[in-house]
Amino acid sequence: MTLANYTPDQLDALALRLLDIAAIFREMAHQSRQQGVGTVTLHDRKAHEWCDRLEHWARRAQAELEVKVRMERATRRVQTLDS
């Protein structure tokens, strides 16, 4: 596993990529309804496993960002008090 620093723009790009994937599934759902196709066969367990891992990864990253934000705020407050 490789750790990489993400800029806000890179986070946006990742979010847009995930939205593109979601849009594929939304289009599949729409087409399935429109064409009267009852079901689409997918590897359900694997899809849910990936989504669970992705959600866990995102929430952990969000928590780590929150810690960094709080540390930056505290540092700025200390610097303001010292001035």
Protein backbone atom coordinates (compact mmCIF):
# COMPACT_ATOMS: atom_id res chain seq x y z
CA MET A 1 0.00 0.00 0.00
CA THR A 2 1.42 3.38 -0.99
CA LEU A 3 0.72 6.55 0.96
CA ALA A 4 0.40 9.64 -1.20
CA ASN A 5 -0.29 13.25 -0.34
CA TYR A 6 -3.47 14.52 -2.02
CA THR A 7 -4.14 18.16 -2.80
CA PRO A 8 -7.70 19.44 -2.66
CA ASP A 9 -7.79 19.25 -6.48
CA GLN A 10 -6.71 15.61 -6.39
CA LEU A 11 -9.43 14.86 -3.81
CA ASP A 12 -11.95 16.50 -6.15
CA ALA A 13 -10.65 14.41 -9.06
CA LEU A 14 -11.04 11.23 -7.00
CA ALA A 15 -14.56 12.23 -6.00
CA LEU A 16 -15.45 12.90 -9.63
CA ARG A 17 -14.07 9.52 -10.63
CA LEU A 18 -16.26 7.85 -8.01
CA LEU A 19 -19.25 9.85 -9.24
CA ASP A 20 -18.50 8.70 -12.80
CA ILE A 21 -18.60 5.09 -11.58
CA ALA A 22 -21.87 5.77 -9.76
CA ALA A 23 -23.25 7.34 -12.95
CA ILE A 24 -22.49 4.11 -14.83
CA PHE A 25 -24.60 2.15 -12.37
CA ARG A 26 -27.36 4.76 -12.46
CA GLU A 27 -27.40 4.55 -16.26
CA MET A 28 -27.52 0.76 -16.05
CA ALA A 29 -30.49 0.99 -13.67
CA HIS A 30 -32.25 3.46 -15.96
CA GLN A 31 -31.62 1.37 -19.08
CA SER A 32 -32.73 -1.78 -17.28
CA ARG A 33 -36.01 -0.13 -16.29
CA GLN A 34 -36.57 1.43 -19.70
CA GLN A 35 -35.93 -1.80 -21.58
CA GLY A 36 -37.80 -4.04 -19.15
CA VAL A 37 -34.73 -6.04 -18.18
CA GLY A 38 -35.55 -7.42 -14.76
CA THR A 39 -32.09 -8.15 -13.40
CA VAL A 40 -28.42 -7.63 -14.11
CA THR A 41 -25.99 -10.23 -12.80
CA LEU A 42 -23.11 -8.83 -10.77
CA HIS A 43 -20.61 -10.31 -8.32
CA ASP A 44 -22.56 -8.94 -5.38
CA ARG A 45 -20.30 -9.97 -2.53
CA LYS A 46 -17.21 -8.48 -4.18
CA ALA A 47 -18.98 -5.19 -4.97
CA HIS A 48 -20.17 -4.80 -1.39
CA GLU A 49 -16.74 -5.74 -0.07
CA TRP A 50 -15.10 -3.05 -2.23
CA CYS A 51 -17.66 -0.46 -1.21
CA ASP A 52 -17.24 -1.31 2.48
CA ARG A 53 -13.46 -1.03 2.22
CA LEU A 54 -13.67 2.20 0.27
CA GLU A 55 -16.07 3.71 2.80
CA HIS A 56 -13.83 2.63 5.70
CA TRP A 57 -10.78 4.08 3.94
CA ALA A 58 -12.59 7.37 3.26
CA ARG A 59 -13.84 7.72 6.83
CA ARG A 60 -10.37 7.00 8.23
CA ALA A 61 -8.87 9.60 5.88
CA GLN A 62 -11.57 12.08 6.93
CA ALA A 63 -10.74 11.52 10.61
CA GLU A 64 -7.02 11.99 9.93
CA LEU A 65 -7.77 15.23 8.09
CA GLU A 66 -9.86 16.45 11.01
CA VAL A 67 -6.91 15.87 13.35
CA LYS A 68 -4.63 17.84 11.00
CA VAL A 69 -7.16 20.69 10.79
CA ARG A 70 -7.43 20.88 14.58
CA MET A 71 -3.65 20.83 14.95
CA GLU A 72 -3.30 23.67 12.41
CA ARG A 73 -5.96 25.71 14.24
CA ALA A 74 -4.21 25.17 17.55
CA THR A 75 -0.86 26.17 16.06
CA ARG A 76 -2.34 29.36 14.64
CA ARG A 77 -3.95 30.21 17.99
CA VAL A 78 -0.67 29.72 19.82
CA GLN A 79 1.12 31.91 17.27
CA THR A 80 -1.56 34.59 17.65
CA LEU A 81 -1.24 34.52 21.44
CA ASP A 82 2.55 34.77 21.21
CA SER A 83 2.34 37.83 18.95
